[in-house]
Amino acid sequence: MIIEQRAYARAGLLGNPSDGYFGKTISILVRNFGAHVVLYESPDLHIEPHATDLNTYRSMDHFMESVGQTGYYGGSRLVKAAIKKFHDHCVQSGIPLAPRNFTIRYETSIPRQVGLAGSSAMITATFRALMRFYDAEIPPEILPNLILAAETEELGIQAGLQDRVIQVYEGCVYMDFNRSLMETQGHGMYEPIDPALLPSLYIAYKTELSKVSGKVHNTLKSRYESGDAQVIATLNRIAEIAAEGKEAILRRDTRSLFRLINENFDQRTRIMQISESNMEMVRRARDCGASASFTGSGGSIIGTFTDDAMLDRLVGELRKLNAKVIRPVIQ
């Protein structure tokens, strides 16, 4: 039997990056891009290398292009980390695993390292394939924790839970990572929001801005843990923005949501350094009349727009910055 599983890109709408600091977020699934895993039984356990895992290049230009778009690491390390965490969880939870081997391969269309959660999508799809292959059930509220642990514990990537939650639950989800909830039940409160309530959204991304998100968050984490008053106050406000945004969405208050999206980004600039290229993309989108904030750690933005004329302006202006504009397909 051939097993195929997918997981999709995501975009943080509000609350980012407070999810890693007991905050609140709202995220949407972005089905325009996805990770696709194929798994089938075989004599040996074999991970097929993807083109990005290979180390042969046509020329120096090809090498530079590859490193610029995908970084220094391919996706096989993500698959390996997912397999290990899946095995560890099953052993610790007393879930029996049949003595079967498999071959696994992957493809992904998610632009790499631009804040659309391509790494966690790969791990999510791998977990889903392994769960089906071994007939192992993992509760949806626990699965995001394991996906996150594959990145943080196995690969040393600094990240929060929101990407994994939305990729497991899909659609649009409001997440509350209140410290007492996390410590007592081991996960946050995850509340689906009907995507039909959302206003018109766009996403724009620049692949040449790719970066590893863990590097972006390392300094913020150390400042938070040292008790930096400005960092703590700003992250608390960003979490409040997500809570206010949920109420705005439910009452279809597009004006308030517009303001909150912009404020989320503006608050972020108080505690994190933003590159000029990223700032330029946000400014250009706002000059078109749209709201704009990061979808993740940088490289892509999300916001609201009012009509087709504004969307056309966004496409034209952001194209001048070598940015692509899409309308996210949520469900």
C-alpha atoms as a PDB file:
ATOM      1  CA  MET A   1       0.000   0.000   0.000  1.00  0.00           C
ATOM      2  CA  ILE A   2       1.259   3.457  -0.921  1.00  0.00           C
ATOM      3  CA  ILE A   3       0.488   6.124   1.669  1.00  0.00           C
ATOM      4  CA  GLU A   4       0.346   9.782   0.652  1.00  0.00           C
ATOM      5  CA  GLN A   5      -0.018  12.601   3.157  1.00  0.00           C
ATOM      6  CA  ARG A   6       0.129  16.359   2.863  1.00  0.00           C
ATOM      7  CA  ALA A   7       0.525  19.376   5.093  1.00  0.00           C
ATOM      8  CA  TYR A   8       0.216  22.954   3.968  1.00  0.00           C
ATOM      9  CA  ALA A   9       1.864  26.310   4.458  1.00  0.00           C
ATOM     10  CA  ARG A  10       0.529  28.645   7.103  1.00  0.00           C
ATOM     11  CA  ALA A  11       0.429  32.360   7.766  1.00  0.00           C
ATOM     12  CA  GLY A  12       0.294  34.001  11.161  1.00  0.00           C
ATOM     13  CA  LEU A  13      -2.407  36.665  11.051  1.00  0.00           C
ATOM     14  CA  LEU A  14      -2.200  38.135  14.556  1.00  0.00           C
ATOM     15  CA  GLY A  15      -0.228  37.596  17.754  1.00  0.00           C
ATOM     16  CA  ASN A  16       3.056  36.566  16.168  1.00  0.00           C
ATOM     17  CA  PRO A  17       5.605  36.026  17.780  1.00  0.00           C
ATOM     18  CA  SER A  18       3.924  35.742  21.199  1.00  0.00           C
ATOM     19  CA  ASP A  19       3.145  32.026  20.775  1.00  0.00           C
ATOM     20  CA  GLY A  20       6.592  31.105  22.042  1.00  0.00           C
ATOM     21  CA  TYR A  21       6.056  33.250  25.153  1.00  0.00           C
ATOM     22  CA  PHE A  22       2.695  32.049  26.555  1.00  0.00           C
ATOM     23  CA  GLY A  23       0.811  34.471  24.292  1.00  0.00           C
ATOM     24  CA  LYS A  24      -2.060  34.259  21.835  1.00  0.00           C
ATOM     25  CA  THR A  25      -2.167  34.002  18.040  1.00  0.00           C
ATOM     26  CA  ILE A  26      -4.488  33.619  15.079  1.00  0.00           C
ATOM     27  CA  SER A  27      -3.200  31.662  12.091  1.00  0.00           C
ATOM     28  CA  ILE A  28      -4.590  30.494   8.771  1.00  0.00           C
ATOM     29  CA  LEU A  29      -3.709  27.528   6.594  1.00  0.00           C
ATOM     30  CA  VAL A  30      -2.395  28.421   3.118  1.00  0.00           C
ATOM     31  CA  ARG A  31      -3.276  25.595   0.729  1.00  0.00           C
ATOM     32  CA  ASN A  32      -1.579  27.344  -2.176  1.00  0.00           C
ATOM     33  CA  PHE A  33       1.637  25.591  -1.073  1.00  0.00           C
ATOM     34  CA  GLY A  34       2.238  22.232   0.547  1.00  0.00           C
ATOM     35  CA  ALA A  35       4.548  19.405   1.545  1.00  0.00           C
ATOM     36  CA  HIS A  36       3.779  15.982   0.094  1.00  0.00           C
ATOM     37  CA  VAL A  37       5.088  12.749   1.608  1.00  0.00           C
ATOM     38  CA  VAL A  38       4.881   9.285   0.012  1.00  0.00           C
ATOM     39  CA  LEU A  39       5.557   6.214   2.166  1.00  0.00           C
ATOM     40  CA  TYR A  40       5.388   2.491   1.361  1.00  0.00           C
ATOM     41  CA  GLU A  41       6.639  -0.759   2.871  1.00  0.00           C
ATOM     42  CA  SER A  42      10.110  -1.911   1.812  1.00  0.00           C
ATOM     43  CA  PRO A  43      12.830  -4.355   2.988  1.00  0.00           C
ATOM     44  CA  ASP A  44      14.945  -1.558   4.497  1.00  0.00           C
ATOM     45  CA  LEU A  45      14.106   1.775   6.076  1.00  0.00           C
ATOM     46  CA  HIS A  46      15.085   4.161   3.293  1.00  0.00           C
ATOM     47  CA  ILE A  47      14.774   7.951   3.063  1.00  0.00           C
ATOM     48  CA  GLU A  48      14.966   8.987  -0.562  1.00  0.00           C
ATOM     49  CA  PRO A  49      16.995  12.175  -1.038  1.00  0.00           C
ATOM     50  CA  HIS A  50      15.307  15.175  -2.608  1.00  0.00           C
ATOM     51  CA  ALA A  51      17.148  17.406  -5.069  1.00  0.00           C
ATOM     52  CA  THR A  52      17.820  19.862  -2.233  1.00  0.00           C
ATOM     53  CA  ASP A  53      19.571  17.094  -0.280  1.00  0.00           C
ATOM     54  CA  LEU A  54      22.098  16.447  -3.019  1.00  0.00           C
ATOM     55  CA  ASN A  55      25.504  18.117  -3.201  1.00  0.00           C
ATOM     56  CA  THR A  56      26.125  18.214  -6.932  1.00  0.00           C
ATOM     57  CA  TYR A  57      25.700  21.483  -8.835  1.00  0.00           C
ATOM     58  CA  ARG A  58      25.975  22.453 -12.484  1.00  0.00           C
ATOM     59  CA  SER A  59      28.062  25.510 -11.745  1.00  0.00           C
ATOM     60  CA  MET A  60      28.983  28.055  -9.091  1.00  0.00           C
ATOM     61  CA  ASP A  61      25.933  30.094 -10.117  1.00  0.00           C
ATOM     62  CA  HIS A  62      23.719  27.038  -9.587  1.00  0.00           C
ATOM     63  CA  PHE A  63      25.294  26.490  -6.174  1.00  0.00           C
ATOM     64  CA  MET A  64      24.727  30.120  -5.139  1.00  0.00           C
ATOM     65  CA  GLU A  65      21.123  30.012  -6.361  1.00  0.00           C
ATOM     66  CA  SER A  66      20.469  26.793  -4.439  1.00  0.00           C
ATOM     67  CA  VAL A  67      21.958  28.094  -1.196  1.00  0.00           C
ATOM     68  CA  GLY A  68      20.091  31.378  -1.556  1.00  0.00           C
ATOM     69  CA  GLN A  69      16.728  29.666  -2.016  1.00  0.00           C
ATOM     70  CA  THR A  70      16.951  26.618   0.257  1.00  0.00           C
ATOM     71  CA  GLY A  71      19.766  27.364   2.702  1.00  0.00           C
ATOM     72  CA  TYR A  72      22.511  24.947   3.630  1.00  0.00           C
ATOM     73  CA  TYR A  73      20.292  22.040   4.581  1.00  0.00           C
ATOM     74  CA  GLY A  74      17.849  19.892   2.652  1.00  0.00           C
ATOM     75  CA  GLY A  75      14.650  18.365   3.946  1.00  0.00           C
ATOM     76  CA  SER A  76      15.903  14.883   4.830  1.00  0.00           C
ATOM     77  CA  ARG A  77      17.004  16.086   8.273  1.00  0.00           C
ATOM     78  CA  LEU A  78      13.384  17.125   8.944  1.00  0.00           C
ATOM     79  CA  VAL A  79      12.114  13.698   7.916  1.00  0.00           C
ATOM     80  CA  LYS A  80      14.726  11.996  10.122  1.00  0.00           C
ATOM     81  CA  ALA A  81      13.809  14.170  13.103  1.00  0.00           C
ATOM     82  CA  ALA A  82      10.106  13.399  12.595  1.00  0.00           C
ATOM     83  CA  ILE A  83      10.752   9.644  12.427  1.00  0.00           C
ATOM     84  CA  LYS A  84      12.807   9.746  15.621  1.00  0.00           C
ATOM     85  CA  LYS A  85      10.249  11.772  17.572  1.00  0.00           C
ATOM     86  CA  PHE A  86       7.425   9.539  16.333  1.00  0.00           C
ATOM     87  CA  HIS A  87       9.320   6.446  17.484  1.00  0.00           C
ATOM     88  CA  ASP A  88      10.191   7.996  20.857  1.00  0.00           C
ATOM     89  CA  HIS A  89       6.581   9.015  21.508  1.00  0.00           C
ATOM     90  CA  CYS A  90       5.219   5.582  20.620  1.00  0.00           C
ATOM     91  CA  VAL A  91       7.725   3.845  22.901  1.00  0.00           C
ATOM     92  CA  GLN A  92       7.033   6.225  25.802  1.00  0.00           C
ATOM     93  CA  SER A  93       3.248   5.984  25.311  1.00  0.00           C
ATOM     94  CA  GLY A  94       3.159   2.206  24.952  1.00  0.00           C
ATOM     95  CA  ILE A  95       1.984   2.327  21.333  1.00  0.00           C
ATOM     96  CA  PRO A  96       3.154  -0.902  19.655  1.00  0.00           C
ATOM     97  CA  LEU A  97       4.980  -0.542  16.341  1.00  0.00           C
ATOM     98  CA  ALA A  98       4.880  -3.485  13.958  1.00  0.00           C
ATOM     99  CA  PRO A  99       8.332  -4.674  12.770  1.00  0.00           C
ATOM    100  CA  ARG A 100       7.952  -3.142   9.318  1.00  0.00           C
ATOM    101  CA  ASN A 101      10.320  -1.000   7.291  1.00  0.00           C
ATOM    102  CA  PHE A 102       9.423   1.650   4.767  1.00  0.00           C
ATOM    103  CA  THR A 103      10.700   3.919   2.058  1.00  0.00           C
ATOM    104  CA  ILE A 104       9.754   7.574   2.344  1.00  0.00           C
ATOM    105  CA  ARG A 105      10.189  10.460  -0.062  1.00  0.00           C
ATOM    106  CA  TYR A 106       8.998  14.039  -0.088  1.00  0.00           C
ATOM    107  CA  GLU A 107       8.246  17.004  -2.295  1.00  0.00           C
ATOM    108  CA  THR A 108       7.428  20.542  -1.283  1.00  0.00           C
ATOM    109  CA  SER A 109       6.176  23.632  -3.062  1.00  0.00           C
ATOM    110  CA  ILE A 110       6.400  25.872   0.009  1.00  0.00           C
ATOM    111  CA  PRO A 111       8.851  28.741  -0.534  1.00  0.00           C
ATOM    112  CA  ARG A 112      11.713  28.063   1.854  1.00  0.00           C
ATOM    113  CA  GLN A 113      12.525  30.176   4.891  1.00  0.00           C
ATOM    114  CA  VAL A 114      10.168  33.083   4.184  1.00  0.00           C
ATOM    115  CA  GLY A 115       7.868  32.684   7.172  1.00  0.00           C
ATOM    116  CA  LEU A 116       5.374  30.229   5.646  1.00  0.00           C
ATOM    117  CA  ALA A 117       6.309  27.256   7.889  1.00  0.00           C
ATOM    118  CA  GLY A 118       7.790  24.954   5.281  1.00  0.00           C
ATOM    119  CA  SER A 119       9.862  22.983   7.804  1.00  0.00           C
ATOM    120  CA  SER A 120       6.985  22.197  10.139  1.00  0.00           C
ATOM    121  CA  ALA A 121       4.787  21.255   7.170  1.00  0.00           C
ATOM    122  CA  MET A 122       7.351  18.632   6.168  1.00  0.00           C
ATOM    123  CA  ILE A 123       7.407  17.185   9.673  1.00  0.00           C
ATOM    124  CA  THR A 124       3.599  17.274   9.960  1.00  0.00           C
ATOM    125  CA  ALA A 125       3.158  15.372   6.697  1.00  0.00           C
ATOM    126  CA  THR A 126       5.755  12.805   7.812  1.00  0.00           C
ATOM    127  CA  PHE A 127       3.990  12.266  11.147  1.00  0.00           C
ATOM    128  CA  ARG A 128       0.687  11.749   9.350  1.00  0.00           C
ATOM    129  CA  ALA A 129       2.211   9.166   7.033  1.00  0.00           C
ATOM    130  CA  LEU A 130       3.861   7.302   9.936  1.00  0.00           C
ATOM    131  CA  MET A 131       0.650   7.325  11.977  1.00  0.00           C
ATOM    132  CA  ARG A 132      -1.229   5.755   9.099  1.00  0.00           C
ATOM    133  CA  PHE A 133       1.510   3.233   8.257  1.00  0.00           C
ATOM    134  CA  TYR A 134       1.749   1.974  11.842  1.00  0.00           C
ATOM    135  CA  ASP A 135      -1.943   2.541  12.666  1.00  0.00           C
ATOM    136  CA  ALA A 136      -0.883   4.752  15.561  1.00  0.00           C
ATOM    137  CA  GLU A 137      -3.249   7.367  16.975  1.00  0.00           C
ATOM    138  CA  ILE A 138      -1.898  10.629  18.403  1.00  0.00           C
ATOM    139  CA  PRO A 139      -4.458  13.126  19.756  1.00  0.00           C
ATOM    140  CA  PRO A 140      -4.569  16.368  17.719  1.00  0.00           C
ATOM    141  CA  GLU A 141      -3.854  18.509  20.775  1.00  0.00           C
ATOM    142  CA  ILE A 142      -0.645  16.534  21.450  1.00  0.00           C
ATOM    143  CA  LEU A 143       0.606  16.204  17.871  1.00  0.00           C
ATOM    144  CA  PRO A 144       1.769  19.863  17.537  1.00  0.00           C
ATOM    145  CA  ASN A 145       3.970  19.396  20.626  1.00  0.00           C
ATOM    146  CA  LEU A 146       5.733  16.430  18.998  1.00  0.00           C
ATOM    147  CA  ILE A 147       6.190  18.270  15.711  1.00  0.00           C
ATOM    148  CA  LEU A 148       7.697  21.216  17.577  1.00  0.00           C
ATOM    149  CA  ALA A 149       9.966  18.907  19.594  1.00  0.00           C
ATOM    150  CA  ALA A 150      11.310  17.384  16.372  1.00  0.00           C
ATOM    151  CA  GLU A 151      12.587  20.844  15.454  1.00  0.00           C
ATOM    152  CA  THR A 152      13.623  22.238  18.830  1.00  0.00           C
ATOM    153  CA  GLU A 153      15.024  19.123  20.530  1.00  0.00           C
ATOM    154  CA  GLU A 154      16.398  17.222  17.543  1.00  0.00           C
ATOM    155  CA  LEU A 155      17.499  20.060  15.259  1.00  0.00           C
ATOM    156  CA  GLY A 156      18.013  22.994  17.619  1.00  0.00           C
ATOM    157  CA  ILE A 157      15.564  25.254  15.756  1.00  0.00           C
ATOM    158  CA  GLN A 158      14.017  27.959  17.949  1.00  0.00           C
ATOM    159  CA  ALA A 159      10.275  28.061  17.280  1.00  0.00           C
ATOM    160  CA  GLY A 160       6.795  28.297  18.815  1.00  0.00           C
ATOM    161  CA  LEU A 161       3.684  26.145  18.625  1.00  0.00           C
ATOM    162  CA  GLN A 162       1.410  28.142  16.330  1.00  0.00           C
ATOM    163  CA  ASP A 163       2.735  26.765  13.020  1.00  0.00           C
ATOM    164  CA  ARG A 164       2.243  23.178  14.138  1.00  0.00           C
ATOM    165  CA  VAL A 165      -1.195  23.809  15.624  1.00  0.00           C
ATOM    166  CA  ILE A 166      -2.632  25.326  12.445  1.00  0.00           C
ATOM    167  CA  GLN A 167      -1.045  22.649  10.262  1.00  0.00           C
ATOM    168  CA  VAL A 168      -2.673  19.960  12.402  1.00  0.00           C
ATOM    169  CA  TYR A 169      -6.083  21.608  12.884  1.00  0.00           C
ATOM    170  CA  GLU A 170      -6.165  23.477   9.524  1.00  0.00           C
ATOM    171  CA  GLY A 171      -8.567  26.268   8.549  1.00  0.00           C
ATOM    172  CA  CYS A 172      -8.293  29.311  10.815  1.00  0.00           C
ATOM    173  CA  VAL A 173      -7.533  28.884  14.520  1.00  0.00           C
ATOM    174  CA  TYR A 174      -7.313  31.177  17.545  1.00  0.00           C
ATOM    175  CA  MET A 175      -4.709  29.845  19.987  1.00  0.00           C
ATOM    176  CA  ASP A 176      -4.247  30.715  23.638  1.00  0.00           C
ATOM    177  CA  PHE A 177      -0.927  29.507  25.089  1.00  0.00           C
ATOM    178  CA  ASN A 178      -1.640  30.743  28.619  1.00  0.00           C
ATOM    179  CA  ARG A 179       1.113  29.564  30.948  1.00  0.00           C
ATOM    180  CA  SER A 180      -1.235  27.841  33.427  1.00  0.00           C
ATOM    181  CA  LEU A 181      -2.956  25.975  30.583  1.00  0.00           C
ATOM    182  CA  MET A 182       0.358  24.870  29.123  1.00  0.00           C
ATOM    183  CA  GLU A 183       1.688  23.699  32.486  1.00  0.00           C
ATOM    184  CA  THR A 184      -1.463  21.875  33.638  1.00  0.00           C
ATOM    185  CA  GLN A 185      -2.643  20.200  30.432  1.00  0.00           C
ATOM    186  CA  GLY A 186       0.493  20.302  28.296  1.00  0.00           C
ATOM    187  CA  HIS A 187      -1.083  22.258  25.447  1.00  0.00           C
ATOM    188  CA  GLY A 188      -2.962  25.451  24.761  1.00  0.00           C
ATOM    189  CA  MET A 189      -6.606  26.203  24.020  1.00  0.00           C
ATOM    190  CA  TYR A 190      -7.252  25.934  20.272  1.00  0.00           C
ATOM    191  CA  GLU A 191     -10.460  27.506  18.975  1.00  0.00           C
ATOM    192  CA  PRO A 192     -11.434  27.168  15.277  1.00  0.00           C
ATOM    193  CA  ILE A 193     -12.735  30.292  13.542  1.00  0.00           C
ATOM    194  CA  ASP A 194     -14.929  30.028  10.470  1.00  0.00           C
ATOM    195  CA  PRO A 195     -12.736  31.223   7.568  1.00  0.00           C
ATOM    196  CA  ALA A 196     -15.873  32.630   5.915  1.00  0.00           C
ATOM    197  CA  LEU A 197     -15.777  35.386   8.543  1.00  0.00           C
ATOM    198  CA  LEU A 198     -12.377  36.611   7.344  1.00  0.00           C
ATOM    199  CA  PRO A 199     -12.109  39.660   5.074  1.00  0.00           C
ATOM    200  CA  SER A 200     -10.166  39.610   1.804  1.00  0.00           C
ATOM    201  CA  LEU A 201      -6.563  38.621   2.540  1.00  0.00           C
ATOM    202  CA  TYR A 202      -3.371  38.697   0.499  1.00  0.00           C
ATOM    203  CA  ILE A 203       0.098  37.258   1.090  1.00  0.00           C
ATOM    204  CA  ALA A 204       3.272  38.581  -0.516  1.00  0.00           C
ATOM    205  CA  TYR A 205       6.673  36.943  -0.303  1.00  0.00           C
ATOM    206  CA  LYS A 206      10.236  37.483  -1.503  1.00  0.00           C
ATOM    207  CA  THR A 207      12.306  34.322  -1.814  1.00  0.00           C
ATOM    208  CA  GLU A 208      15.589  36.229  -1.773  1.00  0.00           C
ATOM    209  CA  LEU A 209      14.822  37.256   1.816  1.00  0.00           C
ATOM    210  CA  SER A 210      15.011  33.650   3.002  1.00  0.00           C
ATOM    211  CA  LYS A 211      16.399  33.057   6.468  1.00  0.00           C
ATOM    212  CA  VAL A 212      16.254  30.453   9.182  1.00  0.00           C
ATOM    213  CA  SER A 213      13.589  31.654  11.615  1.00  0.00           C
ATOM    214  CA  GLY A 214      15.391  30.218  14.636  1.00  0.00           C
ATOM    215  CA  LYS A 215      18.190  32.754  14.155  1.00  0.00           C
ATOM    216  CA  VAL A 216      15.660  35.585  14.233  1.00  0.00           C
ATOM    217  CA  HIS A 217      14.166  34.448  17.541  1.00  0.00           C
ATOM    218  CA  ASN A 218      17.328  33.539  19.469  1.00  0.00           C
ATOM    219  CA  THR A 219      18.074  37.089  20.659  1.00  0.00           C
ATOM    220  CA  LEU A 220      14.442  37.745  21.564  1.00  0.00           C
ATOM    221  CA  LYS A 221      14.294  34.591  23.675  1.00  0.00           C
ATOM    222  CA  SER A 222      17.401  35.489  25.659  1.00  0.00           C
ATOM    223  CA  ARG A 223      16.052  38.993  26.341  1.00  0.00           C
ATOM    224  CA  TYR A 224      12.697  37.553  27.423  1.00  0.00           C
ATOM    225  CA  GLU A 225      14.312  35.039  29.763  1.00  0.00           C
ATOM    226  CA  SER A 226      16.473  37.759  31.302  1.00  0.00           C
ATOM    227  CA  GLY A 227      13.333  39.729  32.194  1.00  0.00           C
ATOM    228  CA  ASP A 228      13.695  42.588  29.681  1.00  0.00           C
ATOM    229  CA  ALA A 229      10.733  44.828  30.607  1.00  0.00           C
ATOM    230  CA  GLN A 230      10.210  46.215  27.097  1.00  0.00           C
ATOM    231  CA  VAL A 231      10.223  42.742  25.535  1.00  0.00           C
ATOM    232  CA  ILE A 232       7.751  41.368  28.067  1.00  0.00           C
ATOM    233  CA  ALA A 233       5.386  44.339  27.793  1.00  0.00           C
ATOM    234  CA  THR A 234       5.482  44.284  23.994  1.00  0.00           C
ATOM    235  CA  LEU A 235       4.858  40.542  23.770  1.00  0.00           C
ATOM    236  CA  ASN A 236       1.931  40.930  26.187  1.00  0.00           C
ATOM    237  CA  ARG A 237       0.445  43.632  23.964  1.00  0.00           C
ATOM    238  CA  ILE A 238       0.944  41.490  20.854  1.00  0.00           C
ATOM    239  CA  ALA A 239      -0.955  38.672  22.588  1.00  0.00           C
ATOM    240  CA  GLU A 240      -3.773  41.099  23.439  1.00  0.00           C
ATOM    241  CA  ILE A 241      -3.901  42.099  19.765  1.00  0.00           C
ATOM    242  CA  ALA A 242      -4.735  38.493  18.848  1.00  0.00           C
ATOM    243  CA  ALA A 243      -7.536  38.356  21.427  1.00  0.00           C
ATOM    244  CA  GLU A 244      -8.956  41.654  20.167  1.00  0.00           C
ATOM    245  CA  GLY A 245      -8.574  40.419  16.606  1.00  0.00           C
ATOM    246  CA  LYS A 246     -10.646  37.313  17.298  1.00  0.00           C
ATOM    247  CA  GLU A 247     -13.529  39.490  18.499  1.00  0.00           C
ATOM    248  CA  ALA A 248     -13.140  41.780  15.479  1.00  0.00           C
ATOM    249  CA  ILE A 249     -13.314  38.800  13.104  1.00  0.00           C
ATOM    250  CA  LEU A 250     -16.384  37.353  14.820  1.00  0.00           C
ATOM    251  CA  ARG A 251     -18.261  40.640  14.513  1.00  0.00           C
ATOM    252  CA  ARG A 252     -16.892  41.239  10.990  1.00  0.00           C
ATOM    253  CA  ASP A 253     -15.263  44.493  12.064  1.00  0.00           C
ATOM    254  CA  THR A 254     -12.821  44.847   9.165  1.00  0.00           C
ATOM    255  CA  ARG A 255     -11.726  48.343  10.214  1.00  0.00           C
ATOM    256  CA  SER A 256     -10.550  47.160  13.633  1.00  0.00           C
ATOM    257  CA  LEU A 257      -8.860  44.124  12.116  1.00  0.00           C
ATOM    258  CA  PHE A 258      -7.023  46.379   9.651  1.00  0.00           C
ATOM    259  CA  ARG A 259      -5.722  48.489  12.545  1.00  0.00           C
ATOM    260  CA  LEU A 260      -4.712  45.465  14.627  1.00  0.00           C
ATOM    261  CA  ILE A 261      -2.742  43.840  11.805  1.00  0.00           C
ATOM    262  CA  ASN A 262      -0.741  47.022  11.363  1.00  0.00           C
ATOM    263  CA  GLU A 263      -0.231  47.427  15.102  1.00  0.00           C
ATOM    264  CA  ASN A 264       1.017  43.839  15.409  1.00  0.00           C
ATOM    265  CA  PHE A 265       3.866  44.624  13.035  1.00  0.00           C
ATOM    266  CA  ASP A 266       4.548  48.042  14.558  1.00  0.00           C
ATOM    267  CA  GLN A 267       4.824  46.483  18.017  1.00  0.00           C
ATOM    268  CA  ARG A 268       7.201  43.877  16.634  1.00  0.00           C
ATOM    269  CA  THR A 269       9.571  46.589  15.401  1.00  0.00           C
ATOM    270  CA  ARG A 270      10.004  47.744  19.013  1.00  0.00           C
ATOM    271  CA  ILE A 271      11.745  44.513  20.047  1.00  0.00           C
ATOM    272  CA  MET A 272      13.101  42.954  16.839  1.00  0.00           C
ATOM    273  CA  GLN A 273      15.348  44.312  14.130  1.00  0.00           C
ATOM    274  CA  ILE A 274      13.621  44.422  10.736  1.00  0.00           C
ATOM    275  CA  SER A 275      15.673  44.419   7.549  1.00  0.00           C
ATOM    276  CA  GLU A 276      15.222  47.301   5.128  1.00  0.00           C
ATOM    277  CA  SER A 277      14.016  44.918   2.422  1.00  0.00           C
ATOM    278  CA  ASN A 278      11.255  43.657   4.695  1.00  0.00           C
ATOM    279  CA  MET A 279      10.350  47.173   5.814  1.00  0.00           C
ATOM    280  CA  GLU A 280      10.136  48.257   2.195  1.00  0.00           C
ATOM    281  CA  MET A 281       7.642  45.506   1.438  1.00  0.00           C
ATOM    282  CA  VAL A 282       5.436  46.501   4.382  1.00  0.00           C
ATOM    283  CA  ARG A 283       5.617  50.211   3.494  1.00  0.00           C
ATOM    284  CA  ARG A 284       4.772  49.587  -0.158  1.00  0.00           C
ATOM    285  CA  ALA A 285       1.734  47.470   0.763  1.00  0.00           C
ATOM    286  CA  ARG A 286       0.479  50.105   3.189  1.00  0.00           C
ATOM    287  CA  ASP A 287       0.988  52.829   0.585  1.00  0.00           C
ATOM    288  CA  CYS A 288      -1.461  50.863  -1.576  1.00  0.00           C
ATOM    289  CA  GLY A 289      -4.050  51.154   1.190  1.00  0.00           C
ATOM    290  CA  ALA A 290      -3.676  47.615   2.522  1.00  0.00           C
ATOM    291  CA  SER A 291      -2.756  46.501   6.022  1.00  0.00           C
ATOM    292  CA  ALA A 292       0.524  44.590   6.359  1.00  0.00           C
ATOM    293  CA  SER A 293       2.343  42.472   8.925  1.00  0.00           C
ATOM    294  CA  PHE A 294       4.719  39.499   8.870  1.00  0.00           C
ATOM    295  CA  THR A 295       3.306  36.014   8.355  1.00  0.00           C
ATOM    296  CA  GLY A 296       6.177  34.626  10.415  1.00  0.00           C
ATOM    297  CA  SER A 297       9.786  35.564  10.996  1.00  0.00           C
ATOM    298  CA  GLY A 298      10.228  37.644   7.831  1.00  0.00           C
ATOM    299  CA  GLY A 299      10.322  37.315   4.088  1.00  0.00           C
ATOM    300  CA  SER A 300       6.557  37.378   3.617  1.00  0.00           C
ATOM    301  CA  ILE A 301       3.701  39.627   4.700  1.00  0.00           C
ATOM    302  CA  ILE A 302      -0.048  39.261   5.137  1.00  0.00           C
ATOM    303  CA  GLY A 303      -2.791  41.822   5.252  1.00  0.00           C
ATOM    304  CA  THR A 304      -6.282  42.853   4.244  1.00  0.00           C
ATOM    305  CA  PHE A 305      -7.400  44.697   1.121  1.00  0.00           C
ATOM    306  CA  THR A 306     -10.740  46.164   0.141  1.00  0.00           C
ATOM    307  CA  ASP A 307     -11.319  45.489  -3.557  1.00  0.00           C
ATOM    308  CA  ASP A 308      -9.832  44.222  -6.824  1.00  0.00           C
ATOM    309  CA  ALA A 309      -8.415  47.639  -7.667  1.00  0.00           C
ATOM    310  CA  MET A 310      -6.377  47.647  -4.460  1.00  0.00           C
ATOM    311  CA  LEU A 311      -5.242  44.067  -5.108  1.00  0.00           C
ATOM    312  CA  ASP A 312      -4.083  45.083  -8.589  1.00  0.00           C
ATOM    313  CA  ARG A 313      -2.076  47.925  -7.058  1.00  0.00           C
ATOM    314  CA  LEU A 314      -0.535  45.527  -4.567  1.00  0.00           C
ATOM    315  CA  VAL A 315       0.486  43.123  -7.316  1.00  0.00           C
ATOM    316  CA  GLY A 316       2.003  45.899  -9.400  1.00  0.00           C
ATOM    317  CA  GLU A 317       3.846  47.700  -6.613  1.00  0.00           C
ATOM    318  CA  LEU A 318       5.205  44.597  -4.918  1.00  0.00           C
ATOM    319  CA  ARG A 319       6.321  43.166  -8.245  1.00  0.00           C
ATOM    320  CA  LYS A 320       8.718  46.114  -8.413  1.00  0.00           C
ATOM    321  CA  LEU A 321      10.299  44.669  -5.252  1.00  0.00           C
ATOM    322  CA  ASN A 322      10.484  41.175  -6.793  1.00  0.00           C
ATOM    323  CA  ALA A 323       7.694  40.031  -4.487  1.00  0.00           C
ATOM    324  CA  LYS A 324       4.889  37.678  -5.501  1.00  0.00           C
ATOM    325  CA  VAL A 325       1.336  38.309  -4.324  1.00  0.00           C
ATOM    326  CA  ILE A 326      -1.243  35.565  -3.804  1.00  0.00           C
ATOM    327  CA  ARG A 327      -4.694  35.252  -2.283  1.00  0.00           C
ATOM    328  CA  PRO A 328      -4.495  32.458   0.315  1.00  0.00           C
ATOM    329  CA  VAL A 329      -6.722  29.410  -0.173  1.00  0.00           C
ATOM    330  CA  ILE A 330      -7.677  28.477   3.384  1.00  0.00           C
ATOM    331  CA  GLN A 331     -10.102  25.585   2.852  1.00  0.00           C
END
